[in-house]
């Protein structure tokens, strides 16, 4: 059986890493964080309070697509990635067709999570730019971020 790649996506603060790690653990496959694949220039730009543009993201997304192909040939993986635009998701899907899991929540909940997060390069002032960029998909598994992480993972596993 060909192993799956599951992409857990949404704006910053939606819980991609938390949910992705729990889901990977539950499915007994690797967890990968797309942020770990950003070139230093992208991290520095975001840390300086500047949102990335499509030119900044393209090489990063191409790298992720190659990695996803490799993961799909091995034991599979859960990837936490913002994947805000349809064009980004198409780029990520060029080598494998992942299962998409979209984490959705209100501006107020997302902002409160970001304001309480420590030690991350993304700050809440960039949230609106991500929401403005977000193109919600009409496919994949859509999950509210309001329940506990464990309840969210339970719902995802049921829908997989």
N, C-alpha and C. Protein backbone atom coordinates (compact mmCIF):
# COMPACT_ATOMS: atom_id res chain seq x y z
N UNK A 1 0.85 -1.19 0.00
CA UNK A 1 0.00 0.00 0.00
C UNK A 1 0.88 1.24 0.00
N UNK A 2 0.55 2.18 -0.85
CA UNK A 2 1.30 3.43 -0.89
C UNK A 2 0.92 4.28 0.32
N UNK A 3 1.92 4.74 1.04
CA UNK A 3 1.66 5.51 2.25
C UNK A 3 1.16 6.90 1.93
N UNK A 4 0.44 7.47 2.88
CA UNK A 4 -0.17 8.78 2.71
C UNK A 4 0.71 9.90 3.21
N UNK A 5 0.50 11.04 2.61
CA UNK A 5 1.01 12.29 3.15
C UNK A 5 -0.23 13.12 3.48
N UNK A 6 -0.31 13.55 4.72
CA UNK A 6 -1.44 14.35 5.18
C UNK A 6 -0.90 15.75 5.46
N UNK A 7 -1.53 16.76 4.87
CA UNK A 7 -1.13 18.14 5.11
C UNK A 7 -2.17 18.80 6.00
N UNK A 8 -1.73 19.19 7.21
CA UNK A 8 -2.58 19.92 8.15
C UNK A 8 -2.27 21.39 7.92
N UNK A 9 -3.29 22.16 7.49
CA UNK A 9 -3.01 23.54 7.10
C UNK A 9 -4.02 24.53 7.64
N UNK A 10 -3.60 25.80 7.58
CA UNK A 10 -4.40 26.91 8.07
C UNK A 10 -3.47 28.06 8.42
N UNK A 11 -4.04 29.13 8.89
CA UNK A 11 -3.23 30.31 9.22
C UNK A 11 -2.44 30.06 10.50
N UNK A 12 -1.49 30.92 10.76
CA UNK A 12 -0.69 30.82 11.98
C UNK A 12 -1.60 30.95 13.19
N UNK A 13 -1.35 30.11 14.18
CA UNK A 13 -2.18 30.11 15.39
C UNK A 13 -3.31 29.11 15.36
N UNK A 14 -3.51 28.43 14.21
CA UNK A 14 -4.62 27.48 14.10
C UNK A 14 -4.30 26.13 14.75
N UNK A 15 -3.04 25.92 15.11
CA UNK A 15 -2.68 24.67 15.79
C UNK A 15 -2.10 23.61 14.88
N UNK A 16 -1.57 24.02 13.73
CA UNK A 16 -1.04 23.06 12.76
C UNK A 16 -0.01 22.12 13.39
N UNK A 17 0.95 22.68 14.11
CA UNK A 17 2.01 21.85 14.70
C UNK A 17 1.47 20.95 15.80
N UNK A 18 0.67 21.51 16.68
CA UNK A 18 0.09 20.72 17.78
C UNK A 18 -0.75 19.58 17.24
N UNK A 19 -1.67 19.90 16.34
CA UNK A 19 -2.56 18.88 15.77
C UNK A 19 -1.77 17.90 14.91
N UNK A 20 -0.85 18.43 14.11
CA UNK A 20 -0.04 17.58 13.25
C UNK A 20 0.76 16.55 14.02
N UNK A 21 1.39 16.99 15.12
CA UNK A 21 2.18 16.07 15.95
C UNK A 21 1.30 14.99 16.56
N UNK A 22 0.16 15.40 17.11
CA UNK A 22 -0.76 14.42 17.72
C UNK A 22 -1.30 13.44 16.67
N UNK A 23 -1.63 13.95 15.50
CA UNK A 23 -2.15 13.09 14.43
C UNK A 23 -1.08 12.10 13.97
N UNK A 24 0.14 12.58 13.78
CA UNK A 24 1.23 11.70 13.35
C UNK A 24 1.47 10.60 14.38
N UNK A 25 1.43 11.00 15.66
CA UNK A 25 1.61 10.03 16.74
C UNK A 25 0.50 8.99 16.70
N UNK A 26 -0.74 9.44 16.52
CA UNK A 26 -1.89 8.54 16.49
C UNK A 26 -1.78 7.57 15.30
N UNK A 27 -1.29 8.07 14.16
CA UNK A 27 -1.19 7.24 12.95
C UNK A 27 0.14 6.50 12.85
N UNK A 28 1.03 6.76 13.79
CA UNK A 28 2.36 6.14 13.83
C UNK A 28 3.16 6.41 12.54
N UNK A 29 3.14 7.69 12.15
CA UNK A 29 3.97 8.13 11.03
C UNK A 29 4.72 9.40 11.44
N UNK A 30 5.65 9.83 10.63
CA UNK A 30 6.48 10.99 10.95
C UNK A 30 5.71 12.29 10.91
N UNK A 31 6.12 13.24 11.75
CA UNK A 31 5.61 14.60 11.70
C UNK A 31 6.68 15.49 11.11
N UNK A 32 6.27 16.39 10.22
CA UNK A 32 7.17 17.36 9.61
C UNK A 32 6.53 18.74 9.72
N UNK A 33 7.34 19.74 10.03
CA UNK A 33 6.86 21.11 10.12
C UNK A 33 7.44 21.89 8.96
N UNK A 34 6.57 22.43 8.11
CA UNK A 34 7.02 23.17 6.92
C UNK A 34 7.92 24.34 7.30
N UNK A 35 7.69 24.93 8.48
CA UNK A 35 8.53 26.05 8.91
C UNK A 35 10.00 25.66 8.97
N UNK A 36 10.29 24.39 9.24
CA UNK A 36 11.68 23.93 9.33
C UNK A 36 12.37 23.94 7.97
N UNK A 37 11.61 24.07 6.91
CA UNK A 37 12.17 24.04 5.55
C UNK A 37 12.31 25.44 4.93
N UNK A 38 11.90 26.48 5.67
CA UNK A 38 12.05 27.86 5.17
C UNK A 38 13.53 28.21 5.09
N UNK A 39 13.93 28.87 4.02
CA UNK A 39 15.30 29.40 4.00
C UNK A 39 15.43 30.52 5.05
N UNK A 40 16.65 30.75 5.50
CA UNK A 40 16.90 31.75 6.54
C UNK A 40 16.35 33.11 6.16
N UNK A 41 16.44 33.48 4.90
CA UNK A 41 15.94 34.80 4.47
C UNK A 41 14.45 34.95 4.76
N UNK A 42 13.68 33.88 4.56
CA UNK A 42 12.24 33.94 4.84
C UNK A 42 11.98 34.11 6.34
N UNK A 43 12.70 33.35 7.16
CA UNK A 43 12.52 33.45 8.61
C UNK A 43 12.88 34.86 9.08
N UNK A 44 13.99 35.39 8.57
CA UNK A 44 14.42 36.74 8.95
C UNK A 44 13.38 37.78 8.55
N UNK A 45 12.80 37.59 7.36
CA UNK A 45 11.79 38.54 6.87
C UNK A 45 10.56 38.54 7.78
N UNK A 46 10.08 37.33 8.13
CA UNK A 46 8.91 37.23 8.99
C UNK A 46 9.21 37.74 10.40
N UNK A 47 10.41 37.43 10.90
CA UNK A 47 10.80 37.89 12.24
C UNK A 47 10.86 39.41 12.29
N UNK A 48 11.13 40.04 11.14
CA UNK A 48 11.17 41.50 11.06
C UNK A 48 9.78 42.11 10.91
N UNK A 49 8.73 41.26 10.95
CA UNK A 49 7.37 41.76 10.86
C UNK A 49 6.85 41.94 9.45
N UNK A 50 7.54 41.33 8.49
CA UNK A 50 7.15 41.48 7.08
C UNK A 50 6.60 40.16 6.54
N UNK A 51 5.41 40.20 5.93
CA UNK A 51 4.86 38.96 5.37
C UNK A 51 5.63 38.52 4.14
N UNK A 52 5.65 37.21 3.91
CA UNK A 52 6.28 36.66 2.71
C UNK A 52 5.40 36.93 1.50
N UNK A 53 6.04 37.03 0.34
CA UNK A 53 5.29 37.14 -0.91
C UNK A 53 5.44 35.81 -1.68
N UNK A 54 4.75 35.71 -2.81
CA UNK A 54 4.76 34.46 -3.57
C UNK A 54 6.16 34.09 -4.04
N UNK A 55 6.97 35.08 -4.39
CA UNK A 55 8.34 34.81 -4.84
C UNK A 55 9.16 34.21 -3.69
N UNK A 56 8.92 34.69 -2.46
CA UNK A 56 9.61 34.13 -1.29
C UNK A 56 9.20 32.67 -1.07
N UNK A 57 7.93 32.39 -1.29
CA UNK A 57 7.39 31.07 -0.96
C UNK A 57 7.68 30.00 -2.01
N UNK A 58 7.84 30.37 -3.27
CA UNK A 58 7.92 29.37 -4.34
C UNK A 58 9.04 28.34 -4.13
N UNK A 59 10.29 28.74 -3.88
CA UNK A 59 11.33 27.71 -3.69
C UNK A 59 11.06 26.82 -2.46
N UNK A 60 10.49 27.43 -1.43
CA UNK A 60 10.14 26.68 -0.22
C UNK A 60 9.09 25.63 -0.54
N UNK A 61 8.05 26.01 -1.28
CA UNK A 61 6.98 25.06 -1.64
C UNK A 61 7.50 23.97 -2.56
N UNK A 62 8.40 24.30 -3.47
CA UNK A 62 8.99 23.30 -4.36
C UNK A 62 9.81 22.28 -3.57
N UNK A 63 10.55 22.76 -2.57
CA UNK A 63 11.31 21.86 -1.70
C UNK A 63 10.36 20.93 -0.96
N UNK A 64 9.28 21.49 -0.42
CA UNK A 64 8.30 20.68 0.30
C UNK A 64 7.68 19.62 -0.61
N UNK A 65 7.37 19.98 -1.85
CA UNK A 65 6.78 19.01 -2.79
C UNK A 65 7.72 17.84 -3.02
N UNK A 66 9.02 18.13 -3.15
CA UNK A 66 10.00 17.05 -3.32
C UNK A 66 10.07 16.17 -2.07
N UNK A 67 10.05 16.81 -0.91
CA UNK A 67 10.09 16.06 0.35
C UNK A 67 8.84 15.18 0.48
N UNK A 68 7.68 15.73 0.12
CA UNK A 68 6.43 14.97 0.21
C UNK A 68 6.48 13.72 -0.66
N UNK A 69 7.08 13.84 -1.83
CA UNK A 69 7.22 12.67 -2.70
C UNK A 69 8.06 11.60 -2.02
N UNK A 70 9.16 12.01 -1.40
CA UNK A 70 10.02 11.06 -0.71
C UNK A 70 9.29 10.41 0.47
N UNK A 71 8.57 11.23 1.26
CA UNK A 71 7.83 10.68 2.41
C UNK A 71 6.79 9.68 1.95
N UNK A 72 6.13 9.97 0.82
CA UNK A 72 5.06 9.07 0.34
C UNK A 72 5.62 7.71 -0.07
N UNK A 73 6.90 7.68 -0.46
CA UNK A 73 7.53 6.42 -0.87
C UNK A 73 8.06 5.64 0.32
N UNK A 74 8.13 6.30 1.47
CA UNK A 74 8.59 5.63 2.68
C UNK A 74 7.39 5.33 3.56
N UNK A 75 7.38 5.82 4.76
CA UNK A 75 6.29 5.46 5.68
C UNK A 75 5.18 6.49 5.76
N UNK A 76 5.23 7.53 4.91
CA UNK A 76 4.22 8.58 4.97
C UNK A 76 4.61 9.63 5.99
N UNK A 77 3.83 10.70 6.08
CA UNK A 77 4.12 11.77 7.02
C UNK A 77 2.91 12.68 7.16
N UNK A 78 2.89 13.39 8.28
CA UNK A 78 1.95 14.48 8.49
C UNK A 78 2.77 15.76 8.40
N UNK A 79 2.37 16.65 7.51
CA UNK A 79 3.07 17.92 7.32
C UNK A 79 2.19 19.06 7.80
N UNK A 80 2.72 19.87 8.71
CA UNK A 80 2.05 21.10 9.13
C UNK A 80 2.56 22.22 8.24
N UNK A 81 1.63 22.86 7.50
CA UNK A 81 2.02 23.88 6.53
C UNK A 81 0.87 24.87 6.36
N UNK A 82 1.18 26.14 6.24
CA UNK A 82 0.10 27.13 6.11
C UNK A 82 -0.71 26.90 4.83
N UNK A 83 -0.06 26.69 3.68
CA UNK A 83 -0.74 26.37 2.41
C UNK A 83 -1.98 27.24 2.19
N UNK A 84 -1.82 28.54 2.31
CA UNK A 84 -2.97 29.45 2.33
C UNK A 84 -3.69 29.62 1.00
N UNK A 85 -2.96 29.57 -0.10
CA UNK A 85 -3.56 29.79 -1.42
C UNK A 85 -3.70 28.49 -2.19
N UNK A 86 -4.68 28.47 -3.07
CA UNK A 86 -4.87 27.30 -3.93
C UNK A 86 -3.63 27.05 -4.78
N UNK A 87 -2.98 28.10 -5.26
CA UNK A 87 -1.77 27.91 -6.08
C UNK A 87 -0.67 27.23 -5.27
N UNK A 88 -0.59 27.51 -3.97
CA UNK A 88 0.41 26.85 -3.12
C UNK A 88 0.07 25.37 -2.97
N UNK A 89 -1.23 25.08 -2.77
CA UNK A 89 -1.63 23.68 -2.62
C UNK A 89 -1.42 22.90 -3.91
N UNK A 90 -1.62 23.56 -5.05
CA UNK A 90 -1.34 22.89 -6.33
C UNK A 90 0.15 22.58 -6.46
N UNK A 91 0.98 23.54 -6.08
CA UNK A 91 2.43 23.33 -6.13
C UNK A 91 2.84 22.18 -5.20
N UNK A 92 2.27 22.14 -4.02
CA UNK A 92 2.56 21.05 -3.09
C UNK A 92 2.08 19.70 -3.60
N UNK A 93 1.04 19.70 -4.44
CA UNK A 93 0.44 18.46 -4.94
C UNK A 93 1.02 18.00 -6.27
N UNK A 94 2.08 18.66 -6.75
CA UNK A 94 2.56 18.32 -8.08
C UNK A 94 3.18 16.93 -8.19
N UNK A 95 3.67 16.37 -7.09
CA UNK A 95 4.31 15.06 -7.15
C UNK A 95 3.50 13.96 -6.44
N UNK A 96 2.71 14.35 -5.44
CA UNK A 96 1.82 13.41 -4.73
C UNK A 96 0.51 14.13 -4.45
N UNK A 97 -0.53 13.36 -4.25
CA UNK A 97 -1.82 13.94 -3.87
C UNK A 97 -2.02 13.70 -2.39
N UNK A 98 -1.81 14.73 -1.57
CA UNK A 98 -1.96 14.54 -0.13
C UNK A 98 -3.43 14.57 0.29
N UNK A 99 -3.66 14.13 1.51
CA UNK A 99 -4.96 14.32 2.16
C UNK A 99 -4.87 15.67 2.85
N UNK A 100 -5.79 16.58 2.55
CA UNK A 100 -5.78 17.92 3.12
C UNK A 100 -6.66 17.99 4.35
N UNK A 101 -6.14 18.59 5.43
CA UNK A 101 -6.89 18.81 6.66
C UNK A 101 -6.78 20.30 6.98
N UNK A 102 -7.90 21.01 6.86
CA UNK A 102 -7.95 22.46 7.05
C UNK A 102 -8.46 22.80 8.44
N UNK A 103 -7.64 23.53 9.21
CA UNK A 103 -8.00 23.96 10.55
C UNK A 103 -8.55 25.37 10.47
N UNK A 104 -9.81 25.54 10.90
CA UNK A 104 -10.44 26.86 10.79
C UNK A 104 -10.89 27.39 12.14
N UNK A 105 -10.73 28.71 12.30
CA UNK A 105 -11.13 29.34 13.55
C UNK A 105 -11.34 30.83 13.37
N UNK A 106 -11.92 31.47 14.36
CA UNK A 106 -12.23 32.90 14.29
C UNK A 106 -10.97 33.74 14.46
N UNK A 107 -11.02 34.98 13.99
CA UNK A 107 -9.91 35.92 14.15
C UNK A 107 -9.57 36.08 15.64
N UNK A 108 -10.59 36.22 16.48
CA UNK A 108 -10.37 36.46 17.90
C UNK A 108 -9.63 35.29 18.56
N UNK A 109 -10.04 34.07 18.25
CA UNK A 109 -9.38 32.90 18.82
C UNK A 109 -7.94 32.78 18.31
N UNK A 110 -7.76 32.97 17.01
CA UNK A 110 -6.41 32.89 16.43
C UNK A 110 -5.49 33.94 17.05
N UNK A 111 -5.98 35.18 17.17
CA UNK A 111 -5.16 36.27 17.71
C UNK A 111 -4.80 35.99 19.17
N UNK A 112 -5.74 35.50 19.96
CA UNK A 112 -5.44 35.23 21.37
C UNK A 112 -4.37 34.14 21.49
N UNK A 113 -4.44 33.15 20.62
CA UNK A 113 -3.41 32.10 20.65
C UNK A 113 -2.05 32.67 20.28
N UNK A 114 -2.00 33.49 19.25
CA UNK A 114 -0.73 34.07 18.83
C UNK A 114 -0.16 35.00 19.90
N UNK A 115 -1.02 35.77 20.54
CA UNK A 115 -0.57 36.70 21.57
C UNK A 115 0.01 35.97 22.78
N UNK A 116 -0.43 34.74 23.00
CA UNK A 116 0.05 33.96 24.15
C UNK A 116 1.20 33.02 23.80
N UNK A 117 1.60 32.99 22.54
CA UNK A 117 2.66 32.08 22.11
C UNK A 117 4.02 32.75 22.29
N UNK A 118 4.96 31.99 22.82
CA UNK A 118 6.31 32.52 23.06
C UNK A 118 7.32 31.79 22.18
N UNK A 119 8.35 32.51 21.76
CA UNK A 119 9.47 31.87 21.07
C UNK A 119 9.20 31.45 19.64
N UNK A 120 8.27 32.09 18.98
CA UNK A 120 7.98 31.77 17.57
C UNK A 120 8.18 33.02 16.75
N UNK A 121 8.69 32.86 15.52
CA UNK A 121 9.03 34.03 14.71
C UNK A 121 7.82 34.78 14.17
N UNK A 122 6.65 34.17 14.21
CA UNK A 122 5.45 34.81 13.66
C UNK A 122 4.73 35.54 14.78
N UNK A 123 4.35 36.79 14.54
CA UNK A 123 3.61 37.51 15.58
C UNK A 123 2.19 37.83 15.10
N UNK A 124 1.33 38.18 16.05
CA UNK A 124 -0.09 38.35 15.75
C UNK A 124 -0.37 39.52 14.81
N UNK A 125 0.57 40.44 14.68
CA UNK A 125 0.36 41.56 13.77
C UNK A 125 0.29 41.11 12.31
N UNK A 126 0.84 39.93 12.02
CA UNK A 126 0.81 39.41 10.65
C UNK A 126 -0.44 38.56 10.37
N UNK A 127 -1.25 38.31 11.40
CA UNK A 127 -2.43 37.45 11.23
C UNK A 127 -3.37 37.95 10.14
N UNK A 128 -3.68 39.23 10.14
CA UNK A 128 -4.63 39.75 9.15
C UNK A 128 -4.11 39.55 7.73
N UNK A 129 -2.80 39.68 7.53
CA UNK A 129 -2.25 39.45 6.18
C UNK A 129 -2.45 38.01 5.76
N UNK A 130 -2.34 37.07 6.70
CA UNK A 130 -2.58 35.66 6.36
C UNK A 130 -4.06 35.42 6.05
N UNK A 131 -4.94 36.01 6.85
CA UNK A 131 -6.38 35.85 6.60
C UNK A 131 -6.78 36.48 5.26
N UNK A 132 -6.14 37.59 4.90
CA UNK A 132 -6.42 38.23 3.61
C UNK A 132 -5.94 37.34 2.46
N UNK A 133 -4.86 36.60 2.69
CA UNK A 133 -4.27 35.73 1.66
C UNK A 133 -5.03 34.41 1.54
N UNK A 134 -5.61 33.94 2.65
CA UNK A 134 -6.24 32.63 2.71
C UNK A 134 -7.33 32.46 1.66
N UNK A 135 -7.21 31.36 0.91
CA UNK A 135 -8.25 30.92 -0.03
C UNK A 135 -8.76 29.60 0.52
N UNK A 136 -9.92 29.66 1.19
CA UNK A 136 -10.47 28.45 1.80
C UNK A 136 -10.83 27.44 0.72
N UNK A 137 -10.42 26.19 0.93
CA UNK A 137 -10.71 25.15 -0.06
C UNK A 137 -12.14 24.63 0.09
N UNK A 138 -12.65 24.06 -0.98
CA UNK A 138 -13.96 23.41 -0.91
C UNK A 138 -13.78 21.89 -0.92
N UNK A 139 -12.60 21.44 -0.55
CA UNK A 139 -12.26 20.01 -0.51
C UNK A 139 -11.49 19.74 0.78
N UNK A 140 -11.20 18.48 1.02
CA UNK A 140 -10.44 18.10 2.20
C UNK A 140 -11.33 18.03 3.44
N UNK A 141 -10.68 17.77 4.54
CA UNK A 141 -11.35 17.68 5.83
C UNK A 141 -11.26 19.05 6.50
N UNK A 142 -12.40 19.63 6.84
CA UNK A 142 -12.45 20.92 7.54
C UNK A 142 -12.76 20.65 9.01
N UNK A 143 -11.93 21.23 9.90
CA UNK A 143 -12.09 20.98 11.32
C UNK A 143 -12.00 22.30 12.07
N UNK A 144 -12.93 22.51 13.00
CA UNK A 144 -12.90 23.68 13.87
C UNK A 144 -11.77 23.52 14.89
N UNK A 145 -11.09 24.63 15.19
CA UNK A 145 -10.01 24.60 16.17
C UNK A 145 -10.49 24.86 17.60
N UNK A 146 -11.79 25.00 17.78
CA UNK A 146 -12.31 25.31 19.11
C UNK A 146 -12.21 24.14 20.11
N UNK A 147 -12.46 22.89 19.71
CA UNK A 147 -12.35 21.80 20.69
C UNK A 147 -10.90 21.58 21.14
N UNK A 148 -10.72 20.65 22.07
CA UNK A 148 -9.37 20.30 22.53
C UNK A 148 -8.59 19.66 21.38
N UNK A 149 -7.26 19.73 21.44
CA UNK A 149 -6.46 19.07 20.39
C UNK A 149 -6.80 17.59 20.24
N UNK A 150 -7.02 16.90 21.35
CA UNK A 150 -7.34 15.47 21.28
C UNK A 150 -8.66 15.24 20.55
N UNK A 151 -9.66 16.09 20.83
CA UNK A 151 -10.96 15.96 20.16
C UNK A 151 -10.84 16.27 18.67
N UNK A 152 -10.00 17.23 18.33
CA UNK A 152 -9.77 17.57 16.91
C UNK A 152 -9.15 16.38 16.19
N UNK A 153 -8.15 15.77 16.80
CA UNK A 153 -7.48 14.61 16.19
C UNK A 153 -8.47 13.44 16.06
N UNK A 154 -9.30 13.24 17.07
CA UNK A 154 -10.33 12.19 16.99
C UNK A 154 -11.21 12.41 15.76
N UNK A 155 -11.64 13.65 15.56
CA UNK A 155 -12.49 13.97 14.42
C UNK A 155 -11.77 13.72 13.10
N UNK A 156 -10.51 14.14 13.01
CA UNK A 156 -9.73 13.93 11.78
C UNK A 156 -9.60 12.44 11.48
N UNK A 157 -9.23 11.67 12.48
CA UNK A 157 -9.04 10.22 12.29
C UNK A 157 -10.33 9.57 11.81
N UNK A 158 -11.47 9.97 12.36
CA UNK A 158 -12.77 9.43 11.92
C UNK A 158 -13.01 9.75 10.45
N UNK A 159 -12.61 10.96 10.02
CA UNK A 159 -12.90 11.39 8.65
C UNK A 159 -11.87 10.88 7.63
N UNK A 160 -10.72 10.44 8.12
CA UNK A 160 -9.72 9.90 7.19
C UNK A 160 -10.22 8.62 6.60
